[in-house]
């Protein structure tokens, strides 16, 4: 019989209070080896491990704490957890062993390949060692962060400790500047491969993570820029196999699916615009939002970042005018909308539902509801993209109460279109395309936004920094 979260709690929690963690470690290893833990309960292991660390730290048994960390890392590959839970563990563990920087170095080094290389929180480790005044460790991890293409903008207030070393240590500054220059040169080579064969090779390398230490969605998106007939078969073979390759790599490596590249595959298919990919996209949408495991590979879908790709997949389906079963949209919305109301990936899915169901009335109802304080931009976009003129007066009424400059620009565009257009626009001409496709995660990592409405708002406000995202845990502001 599989063990639930409650069962695992009863078994492990009492063992977290022991000065000798041997029994805790042995039990942890046995539970995972026997595969008796339900996958949703496996996520909880990280909290029991953290609890054990707290106890050992309170008794100054920090070396024993490292044993617990090592044990968890050894079994975590078989029970991947979401990035936010992984970072919770790393952050707490680093805090617990703070008095001993050499142990923190050992912990961070062991986790780098398994955890931090997948998320921008890597930079927090750099900040951690900078605050401790550990110059060499700060430099070592800063160089790795730069190599992983993570943003190390020292003008940000949150990086003040790193900035202090950078400004006071000439050798440190030179090495950081050199690492940034090398990364820039490498990125420029990657972004401009030139001919089709090298572009396709670069995209395939991105999926396999060959010769690259970070996720680069632009390499995948670049493939669909080639429209010549002689490239069509190769492009469609690549688009057909991309999702499966990403899932297979995750399964073989024991890691979670690369959500950045998964999202890029959806966007690339949407850009390509061939309806034959509709069933593939819907299948991947249903895979990501599943609420129970159907086979041994399904656990790789269980992380928040991959759930967010549903927005891009839904938009791609809308761009293909998919005519199949979209009941998976309701499954997704029932699970996520109450937790993340108004968030982009939720509203993208809702927009796609309105579009594919040809239901502007529901979008107008959403817009009219005073409880919906976020997501109005997607509602008016759906109304305009379906050319639902009866809602024009409602949009004009709502416009006067808007506070968000970006939402104001969307409303202006929707009103103008409803007043001028004679029929629903083609998929290529829809308002939704002006929202751009660069994700909050990519922007947090330093990519420029391609949102036309953001650009218009910045121009209106004469503030080029308005709307800049520094954290991938970005939530849409109220309208």
Protein backbone atom coordinates (compact mmCIF):
# COMPACT_ATOMS: atom_id res chain seq x y z
CA UNK A 1 0.00 0.00 0.00
CA UNK A 2 1.30 3.44 -0.90
CA UNK A 3 1.90 5.90 1.92
CA UNK A 4 0.09 9.23 2.01
CA UNK A 5 1.46 12.55 3.28
CA UNK A 6 -0.09 11.81 6.68
CA UNK A 7 1.56 8.37 6.83
CA UNK A 8 4.96 9.75 5.90
CA UNK A 9 4.61 12.50 8.49
CA UNK A 10 3.94 9.96 11.26
CA UNK A 11 6.99 7.92 10.26
CA UNK A 12 9.56 10.66 9.65
CA UNK A 13 8.60 13.59 11.85
CA UNK A 14 9.57 11.96 15.19
CA UNK A 15 12.97 11.07 13.73
CA UNK A 16 13.80 14.69 12.91
CA UNK A 17 14.40 15.40 16.62
CA UNK A 18 17.34 12.99 17.03
CA UNK A 19 20.91 14.24 17.59
CA UNK A 20 22.14 11.34 15.47
CA UNK A 21 20.37 11.51 12.10
CA UNK A 22 21.34 7.97 11.10
CA UNK A 23 17.87 6.51 11.68
CA UNK A 24 16.22 9.44 9.88
CA UNK A 25 18.55 8.98 6.90
CA UNK A 26 18.08 5.20 6.81
CA UNK A 27 14.30 5.52 6.95
CA UNK A 28 14.30 8.20 4.26
CA UNK A 29 16.40 6.00 2.00
CA UNK A 30 14.26 2.92 2.67
CA UNK A 31 10.99 4.68 1.92
CA UNK A 32 12.31 5.97 -1.39
CA UNK A 33 13.99 2.69 -2.36
CA UNK A 34 10.75 0.78 -1.78
CA UNK A 35 8.80 3.37 -3.79
CA UNK A 36 6.05 3.22 -1.21
CA UNK A 37 5.51 6.98 -1.09
CA UNK A 38 2.78 8.53 -3.19
CA UNK A 39 4.36 11.05 -5.51
CA UNK A 40 2.39 13.94 -4.03
CA UNK A 41 3.72 12.90 -0.58
CA UNK A 42 7.28 12.81 -1.89
CA UNK A 43 7.20 16.60 -2.12
CA UNK A 44 6.87 16.70 1.67
CA UNK A 45 10.22 14.99 2.22
CA UNK A 46 11.98 18.28 1.70
CA UNK A 47 10.21 19.76 4.72
CA UNK A 48 11.09 16.83 6.99
CA UNK A 49 14.70 17.14 5.88
CA UNK A 50 14.65 20.84 6.69
CA UNK A 51 13.13 20.10 10.09
CA UNK A 52 15.96 17.66 10.83
CA UNK A 53 18.47 20.33 9.84
CA UNK A 54 16.91 22.85 12.22
CA UNK A 55 17.26 20.41 15.11
CA UNK A 56 20.88 19.60 14.33
CA UNK A 57 21.75 23.28 13.95
CA UNK A 58 20.16 24.15 17.29
CA UNK A 59 22.48 21.57 18.89
CA UNK A 60 25.49 22.79 16.89
CA UNK A 61 25.72 19.47 15.05
CA UNK A 62 26.31 21.06 11.69
CA UNK A 63 28.51 18.27 10.31
CA UNK A 64 25.62 15.88 10.94
CA UNK A 65 23.42 18.35 9.07
CA UNK A 66 25.57 17.95 5.98
CA UNK A 67 24.99 14.18 6.19
CA UNK A 68 21.24 14.80 6.06
CA UNK A 69 21.63 17.14 3.10
CA UNK A 70 23.77 14.64 1.22
CA UNK A 71 21.27 11.86 1.90
CA UNK A 72 18.40 13.93 0.60
CA UNK A 73 20.31 14.89 -2.55
CA UNK A 74 21.09 11.24 -3.20
CA UNK A 75 17.42 10.25 -3.25
CA UNK A 76 15.88 13.47 -4.63
CA UNK A 77 16.56 12.56 -8.27
CA UNK A 78 13.99 9.81 -8.02
CA UNK A 79 11.44 12.15 -6.47
CA UNK A 80 11.77 15.52 -8.21
CA UNK A 81 9.99 18.46 -6.63
CA UNK A 82 9.12 21.89 -7.96
CA UNK A 83 11.74 24.62 -8.15
CA UNK A 84 10.16 26.69 -5.39
CA UNK A 85 10.34 23.71 -2.98
CA UNK A 86 13.92 22.95 -4.01
CA UNK A 87 14.89 26.55 -3.37
CA UNK A 88 13.09 26.49 -0.01
CA UNK A 89 15.32 23.61 0.99
CA UNK A 90 18.50 25.27 -0.28
CA UNK A 91 17.70 28.59 1.36
CA UNK A 92 16.88 27.02 4.72
CA UNK A 93 19.90 24.73 4.62
CA UNK A 94 22.24 27.62 3.83
CA UNK A 95 20.75 29.64 6.66
CA UNK A 96 21.15 26.76 9.10
CA UNK A 97 24.82 26.21 8.35
CA UNK A 98 25.61 29.92 8.02
CA UNK A 99 28.25 29.90 10.80
CA UNK A 100 30.40 27.58 8.68
CA UNK A 101 30.92 28.98 5.16
CA UNK A 102 33.02 25.97 4.16
CA UNK A 103 30.03 23.70 4.80
CA UNK A 104 27.78 26.08 2.90
CA UNK A 105 30.20 25.82 -0.01
CA UNK A 106 30.01 22.03 0.13
CA UNK A 107 26.20 22.14 0.20
CA UNK A 108 25.88 24.66 -2.63
CA UNK A 109 28.43 22.86 -4.77
CA UNK A 110 26.61 19.53 -4.41
CA UNK A 111 23.29 21.10 -5.33
CA UNK A 112 24.43 23.25 -8.26
CA UNK A 113 23.89 20.69 -11.02
CA UNK A 114 20.70 19.34 -9.47
CA UNK A 115 18.89 22.49 -8.49
CA UNK A 116 20.21 25.98 -8.84
CA UNK A 117 21.28 25.67 -12.46
CA UNK A 118 17.59 25.46 -13.32
CA UNK A 119 16.49 28.76 -11.79
CA UNK A 120 17.54 32.35 -11.29
CA UNK A 121 17.71 31.79 -7.52
CA UNK A 122 21.31 30.78 -8.19
CA UNK A 123 22.08 34.48 -7.73
CA UNK A 124 20.83 34.27 -4.15
CA UNK A 125 23.70 31.92 -3.36
CA UNK A 126 26.14 34.53 -4.66
CA UNK A 127 24.47 37.13 -2.47
CA UNK A 128 24.63 34.73 0.49
CA UNK A 129 28.42 34.36 0.32
CA UNK A 130 28.86 38.08 -0.35
CA UNK A 131 26.96 38.90 2.84
CA UNK A 132 29.26 36.51 4.72
CA UNK A 133 32.26 38.34 3.29
CA UNK A 134 33.55 35.19 1.56
CA UNK A 135 35.27 36.79 -1.40
CA UNK A 136 36.52 33.64 -3.15
CA UNK A 137 33.23 31.78 -2.81
CA UNK A 138 31.32 34.85 -3.99
CA UNK A 139 33.57 35.07 -7.04
CA UNK A 140 33.34 31.35 -7.84
CA UNK A 141 29.55 31.23 -7.72
CA UNK A 142 29.18 34.61 -9.44
CA UNK A 143 31.23 33.32 -12.37
CA UNK A 144 29.05 30.22 -12.55
CA UNK A 145 25.88 32.32 -12.37
CA UNK A 146 27.08 34.40 -15.29
CA UNK A 147 28.01 31.27 -17.25
CA UNK A 148 24.46 29.98 -16.69
CA UNK A 149 23.22 33.27 -18.20
CA UNK A 150 21.61 34.39 -14.96
CA UNK A 151 21.21 38.10 -14.45
CA UNK A 152 23.77 39.61 -12.07
CA UNK A 153 22.78 43.25 -12.37
CA UNK A 154 24.79 44.95 -9.64
CA UNK A 155 22.69 48.12 -9.88
CA UNK A 156 19.84 46.30 -8.13
CA UNK A 157 19.41 46.98 -4.44
CA UNK A 158 19.11 43.28 -3.62
CA UNK A 159 22.69 42.75 -4.85
CA UNK A 160 24.26 45.42 -2.64
CA UNK A 161 26.62 43.00 -0.87
CA UNK A 162 27.99 41.74 -4.20
CA UNK A 163 28.26 45.31 -5.45
CA UNK A 164 30.34 46.26 -2.43
CA UNK A 165 32.97 43.60 -3.20
CA UNK A 166 32.81 44.49 -6.90
CA UNK A 167 33.51 48.17 -6.22
CA UNK A 168 36.25 47.61 -3.65
CA UNK A 169 38.17 44.67 -5.15
CA UNK A 170 39.83 45.43 -8.51
CA UNK A 171 40.70 41.79 -9.24
CA UNK A 172 37.14 40.67 -8.43
CA UNK A 173 35.75 43.37 -10.74
CA UNK A 174 38.04 42.38 -13.62
CA UNK A 175 37.11 38.70 -13.36
CA UNK A 176 33.38 39.45 -13.22
CA UNK A 177 33.63 41.82 -16.19
CA UNK A 178 35.59 39.21 -18.12
CA UNK A 179 32.98 36.52 -17.40
CA UNK A 180 30.20 38.84 -18.57
CA UNK A 181 32.09 39.67 -21.77
CA UNK A 182 32.58 35.98 -22.56
CA UNK A 183 28.89 35.27 -21.94
CA UNK A 184 27.87 38.15 -24.21
CA UNK A 185 30.14 36.91 -26.99
CA UNK A 186 28.77 33.36 -26.61
CA UNK A 187 25.16 34.56 -26.66
CA UNK A 188 25.77 36.60 -29.81
CA UNK A 189 27.16 33.53 -31.57
CA UNK A 190 24.17 31.46 -30.47
CA UNK A 191 21.53 34.04 -31.44
CA UNK A 192 22.87 34.57 -34.98
CA UNK A 193 23.60 31.09 -36.38
CA UNK A 194 22.82 32.26 -39.93
CA UNK A 195 21.84 29.44 -42.28
CA UNK A 196 19.04 26.93 -41.73
CA UNK A 197 21.20 23.89 -40.98
CA UNK A 198 23.12 25.65 -38.21
CA UNK A 199 19.88 27.12 -36.82
CA UNK A 200 18.26 23.69 -36.66
CA UNK A 201 21.39 22.20 -35.10
CA UNK A 202 21.42 24.96 -32.47
CA UNK A 203 17.76 24.25 -31.65
CA UNK A 204 18.41 20.53 -31.30
CA UNK A 205 21.40 21.27 -29.08
CA UNK A 206 19.19 23.47 -26.91
CA UNK A 207 16.76 20.61 -26.30
CA UNK A 208 19.56 18.17 -25.51
CA UNK A 209 21.39 20.91 -23.55
CA UNK A 210 24.55 20.28 -25.57
CA UNK A 211 27.40 22.81 -25.45
CA UNK A 212 25.10 25.04 -23.40
CA UNK A 213 24.74 25.47 -19.65
CA UNK A 214 21.41 27.25 -19.62
CA UNK A 215 18.00 27.11 -21.32
CA UNK A 216 17.80 29.23 -24.47
CA UNK A 217 14.28 29.44 -25.94
CA UNK A 218 15.35 31.74 -28.77
CA UNK A 219 17.25 28.89 -30.41
CA UNK A 220 14.01 26.92 -30.71
CA UNK A 221 11.93 29.87 -31.86
CA UNK A 222 14.47 30.76 -34.56
CA UNK A 223 13.72 27.56 -36.50
CA UNK A 224 10.23 28.68 -37.53
CA UNK A 225 11.56 31.86 -39.17
CA UNK A 226 12.51 29.81 -42.23
CA UNK A 227 9.45 29.63 -44.50
CA UNK A 228 11.03 28.17 -47.65
CA UNK A 229 9.38 24.90 -48.81
CA UNK A 230 12.63 22.91 -48.80
CA UNK A 231 12.92 23.32 -45.01
CA UNK A 232 9.33 22.43 -44.15
CA UNK A 233 9.80 18.69 -43.53
CA UNK A 234 12.81 19.20 -41.23
CA UNK A 235 11.03 21.93 -39.29
CA UNK A 236 7.89 19.85 -38.82
CA UNK A 237 9.89 16.81 -37.73
CA UNK A 238 11.62 19.00 -35.14
CA UNK A 239 8.34 20.50 -33.89
CA UNK A 240 6.70 17.06 -33.75
CA UNK A 241 9.43 15.54 -31.58
CA UNK A 242 10.42 18.42 -29.28
CA UNK A 243 7.98 17.82 -26.41
CA UNK A 244 8.71 14.09 -26.33
CA UNK A 245 12.46 14.72 -26.27
CA UNK A 246 12.18 17.12 -23.34
CA UNK A 247 10.10 14.64 -21.34
CA UNK A 248 12.41 11.76 -22.18
CA UNK A 249 15.47 13.75 -21.07
CA UNK A 250 13.77 14.59 -17.78
CA UNK A 251 12.82 10.98 -17.17
CA UNK A 252 16.30 9.65 -17.91
CA UNK A 253 18.08 12.31 -15.85
CA UNK A 254 15.71 12.20 -12.89
CA UNK A 255 15.10 15.94 -13.22
CA UNK A 256 11.97 17.90 -13.99
CA UNK A 257 10.98 18.94 -17.50
CA UNK A 258 12.72 22.13 -18.64
CA UNK A 259 9.73 24.48 -18.51
CA UNK A 260 11.47 27.27 -20.44
CA UNK A 261 12.08 25.05 -23.47
CA UNK A 262 8.68 23.35 -23.13
CA UNK A 263 7.10 26.79 -23.32
CA UNK A 264 9.27 27.68 -26.32
CA UNK A 265 8.12 24.56 -28.19
CA UNK A 266 4.50 25.65 -27.76
CA UNK A 267 5.27 29.16 -28.96
CA UNK A 268 7.22 27.82 -31.94
CA UNK A 269 4.30 25.64 -33.02
CA UNK A 270 1.94 28.59 -32.64
CA UNK A 271 4.28 30.70 -34.79
CA UNK A 272 4.43 27.95 -37.42
CA UNK A 273 0.64 28.02 -37.64
CA UNK A 274 -0.09 24.57 -39.06
CA UNK A 275 -3.39 23.09 -37.74
CA UNK A 276 -1.95 19.57 -37.95
CA UNK A 277 -0.18 20.25 -34.62
CA UNK A 278 -3.44 20.94 -32.77
CA UNK A 279 -3.85 17.45 -31.35
CA UNK A 280 -0.22 17.37 -30.24
CA UNK A 281 -0.60 20.68 -28.40
CA UNK A 282 -3.83 19.58 -26.71
CA UNK A 283 -2.21 16.32 -25.65
CA UNK A 284 0.69 18.21 -24.05
CA UNK A 285 -1.73 20.61 -22.35
CA UNK A 286 -3.56 17.67 -20.80
CA UNK A 287 -0.25 16.11 -19.77
CA UNK A 288 0.81 19.24 -17.91
CA UNK A 289 -2.49 19.70 -16.04
CA UNK A 290 -3.13 16.06 -15.14
CA UNK A 291 -4.34 15.60 -11.58
CA UNK A 292 -3.18 12.03 -11.12
CA UNK A 293 -0.32 9.87 -12.39
CA UNK A 294 -1.20 7.65 -15.32
CA UNK A 295 2.22 6.12 -15.89
CA UNK A 296 5.75 6.18 -14.51
CA UNK A 297 6.70 9.32 -16.47
CA UNK A 298 3.88 11.53 -15.31
CA UNK A 299 5.57 12.83 -12.17
CA UNK A 300 7.82 15.03 -14.32
CA UNK A 301 4.80 17.25 -15.02
CA UNK A 302 4.28 18.00 -11.37
CA UNK A 303 5.87 21.40 -10.95
CA UNK A 304 4.48 24.91 -10.93
CA UNK A 305 6.78 26.28 -13.63
CA UNK A 306 5.63 23.63 -16.11
CA UNK A 307 2.00 24.30 -15.16
CA UNK A 308 2.57 27.89 -16.31
CA UNK A 309 3.32 26.71 -19.85
CA UNK A 310 -0.39 25.95 -20.20
CA UNK A 311 -0.87 29.61 -21.08
CA UNK A 312 1.45 29.44 -24.07
CA UNK A 313 0.05 26.10 -25.19
CA UNK A 314 -3.50 27.47 -25.01
CA UNK A 315 -2.54 30.55 -27.03
CA UNK A 316 -0.88 28.33 -29.63
CA UNK A 317 -4.09 26.30 -29.88
CA UNK A 318 -6.06 29.51 -30.33
CA UNK A 319 -3.71 30.64 -33.10
CA UNK A 320 -4.34 27.32 -34.89
CA UNK A 321 -8.13 27.72 -34.47
CA UNK A 322 -8.14 24.25 -32.91
CA UNK A 323 -11.57 22.62 -33.27
CA UNK A 324 -11.11 19.59 -31.01
CA UNK A 325 -11.94 18.85 -27.37
CA UNK A 326 -10.73 21.60 -25.01
CA UNK A 327 -12.31 20.27 -21.82
CA UNK A 328 -8.76 20.21 -20.41
CA UNK A 329 -9.00 24.00 -20.20
CA UNK A 330 -11.75 23.66 -17.60
CA UNK A 331 -9.68 21.15 -15.64
CA UNK A 332 -6.83 23.63 -15.58
CA UNK A 333 -8.98 26.63 -14.66
CA UNK A 334 -10.77 24.72 -11.87
CA UNK A 335 -7.38 23.86 -10.36
CA UNK A 336 -5.43 27.09 -10.84
CA UNK A 337 -7.70 30.11 -11.27
CA UNK A 338 -8.77 30.35 -7.63
CA UNK A 339 -5.11 30.23 -6.57
CA UNK A 340 -3.67 32.60 -9.17
CA UNK A 341 -6.55 34.88 -10.22
CA UNK A 342 -5.62 37.20 -13.06
CA UNK A 343 -2.16 35.72 -13.58
CA UNK A 344 -1.02 35.72 -17.18
CA UNK A 345 -0.91 31.95 -17.66
CA UNK A 346 -4.43 31.61 -16.24
CA UNK A 347 -5.86 34.43 -18.34
CA UNK A 348 -4.11 33.20 -21.47
CA UNK A 349 -5.96 29.91 -21.05
CA UNK A 350 -9.24 31.67 -20.39
CA UNK A 351 -8.70 33.89 -23.47
CA UNK A 352 -8.06 30.80 -25.62
CA UNK A 353 -11.23 29.19 -24.26
CA UNK A 354 -13.29 32.28 -25.18
CA UNK A 355 -11.72 32.37 -28.65
CA UNK A 356 -12.08 28.70 -29.50
CA UNK A 357 -15.62 28.52 -28.13
CA UNK A 358 -16.45 31.76 -29.98
CA UNK A 359 -17.95 33.04 -26.73
CA UNK A 360 -17.37 36.80 -26.40
CA UNK A 361 -20.44 37.04 -24.17
CA UNK A 362 -18.58 35.16 -21.43
CA UNK A 363 -15.61 37.49 -21.81
CA UNK A 364 -17.96 40.47 -21.44
CA UNK A 365 -19.47 38.91 -18.31
CA UNK A 366 -15.97 38.49 -16.86
CA UNK A 367 -15.18 42.13 -17.67
CA UNK A 368 -18.40 43.39 -16.09
CA UNK A 369 -17.83 41.54 -12.81
CA UNK A 370 -16.35 44.03 -10.26
CA UNK A 371 -14.72 41.12 -8.41
CA UNK A 372 -12.34 40.54 -11.33
CA UNK A 373 -9.65 43.10 -10.59
CA UNK A 374 -7.05 41.47 -12.86
CA UNK A 375 -7.16 40.05 -16.36
CA UNK A 376 -9.30 42.74 -18.00
CA UNK A 377 -6.79 43.05 -20.83
CA UNK A 378 -7.39 39.46 -21.88
CA UNK A 379 -11.16 39.89 -21.70
CA UNK A 380 -11.22 42.98 -23.96
CA UNK A 381 -8.74 41.29 -26.31
CA UNK A 382 -11.06 38.33 -26.69
CA UNK A 383 -14.01 40.65 -27.29
CA UNK A 384 -12.12 42.59 -29.98
CA UNK A 385 -10.56 39.50 -31.55
CA UNK A 386 -14.08 38.05 -31.90
CA UNK A 387 -15.37 41.46 -33.06
CA UNK A 388 -18.14 41.52 -30.49
CA UNK A 389 -19.37 45.10 -30.93
CA UNK A 390 -22.22 44.89 -28.36
CA UNK A 391 -19.55 45.05 -25.62
CA UNK A 392 -18.02 48.31 -26.89
CA UNK A 393 -20.05 50.46 -24.48
CA UNK A 394 -19.02 48.25 -21.54
CA UNK A 395 -15.34 48.57 -22.47
CA UNK A 396 -15.64 52.38 -22.72
CA UNK A 397 -17.39 52.45 -19.35
CA UNK A 398 -14.67 50.35 -17.69
CA UNK A 399 -11.89 52.39 -19.28
CA UNK A 400 -12.50 55.39 -17.03
CA UNK A 401 -11.73 53.42 -13.85
CA UNK A 402 -8.43 51.87 -14.99
CA UNK A 403 -5.23 52.61 -13.08
CA UNK A 404 -2.78 50.28 -14.80
CA UNK A 405 -1.06 52.11 -17.71
CA UNK A 406 -0.56 48.87 -19.66
CA UNK A 407 -4.23 47.92 -19.34
CA UNK A 408 -5.17 51.42 -20.49
CA UNK A 409 -3.21 50.90 -23.70
CA UNK A 410 -4.93 47.55 -24.33
CA UNK A 411 -8.35 49.17 -23.89
CA UNK A 412 -7.46 51.94 -26.34
CA UNK A 413 -6.48 49.35 -28.94
CA UNK A 414 -9.61 47.26 -28.38
CA UNK A 415 -11.93 50.27 -28.64
CA UNK A 416 -10.25 51.45 -31.85
CA UNK A 417 -10.54 48.02 -33.42
CA UNK A 418 -14.17 47.52 -32.49
CA UNK A 419 -14.96 50.91 -34.02
CA UNK A 420 -13.07 50.20 -37.25
CA UNK A 421 -12.91 46.49 -38.10
CA UNK A 422 -15.62 44.84 -40.19
CA UNK A 423 -15.04 41.24 -39.07
CA UNK A 424 -12.92 39.20 -36.63
CA UNK A 425 -9.22 39.55 -37.52
CA UNK A 426 -7.09 36.63 -38.72
CA UNK A 427 -5.02 34.79 -36.08
CA UNK A 428 -1.94 36.74 -37.20
CA UNK A 429 -3.71 40.10 -36.71
CA UNK A 430 -5.26 39.52 -33.28
CA UNK A 431 -4.65 41.88 -30.38
CA UNK A 432 -3.27 39.03 -28.29
CA UNK A 433 -0.16 38.95 -30.49
CA UNK A 434 0.74 42.46 -29.31
CA UNK A 435 1.14 41.12 -25.75
CA UNK A 436 4.41 39.53 -26.85
CA UNK A 437 5.69 36.06 -26.09
CA UNK A 438 8.65 36.63 -23.77
CA UNK A 439 7.72 35.06 -20.42
CA UNK A 440 8.17 36.56 -16.92
CA UNK A 441 10.87 33.94 -16.27
CA UNK A 442 12.85 35.03 -19.34
CA UNK A 443 12.48 38.70 -18.36
CA UNK A 444 13.65 37.91 -14.82
CA UNK A 445 16.73 36.38 -16.43
CA UNK A 446 17.42 39.58 -18.38
CA UNK A 447 15.48 39.22 -21.66
CA UNK A 448 13.77 42.30 -23.10
CA UNK A 449 9.98 42.33 -23.16
CA UNK A 450 8.31 42.26 -26.58
CA UNK A 451 4.96 43.49 -25.21
CA UNK A 452 3.80 46.33 -27.47
CA UNK A 453 1.45 47.68 -24.81
CA UNK A 454 4.24 47.83 -22.24
CA UNK A 455 6.33 49.78 -24.75
CA UNK A 456 3.45 52.20 -25.36
CA UNK A 457 2.93 52.68 -21.62
CA UNK A 458 6.64 53.38 -21.10
CA UNK A 459 6.50 55.97 -23.87
CA UNK A 460 3.40 57.60 -22.40
CA UNK A 461 4.94 57.70 -18.92
CA UNK A 462 8.40 58.59 -20.27
CA UNK A 463 9.77 55.85 -18.03
CA UNK A 464 11.77 53.10 -19.75
CA UNK A 465 11.97 51.08 -16.51
CA UNK A 466 8.23 50.86 -15.96
CA UNK A 467 7.03 47.27 -15.92
CA UNK A 468 10.53 45.74 -15.62
CA UNK A 469 10.43 42.26 -14.07
CA UNK A 470 13.26 41.10 -11.80
CA UNK A 471 11.64 38.04 -10.24
CA UNK A 472 10.05 35.07 -12.03
CA UNK A 473 7.47 34.88 -9.24
CA UNK A 474 5.86 37.85 -10.99
CA UNK A 475 2.12 38.26 -10.50
CA UNK A 476 0.04 40.54 -12.69
CA UNK A 477 -0.86 43.86 -10.99
CA UNK A 478 -4.46 44.96 -10.67
CA UNK A 479 -6.01 46.74 -13.65
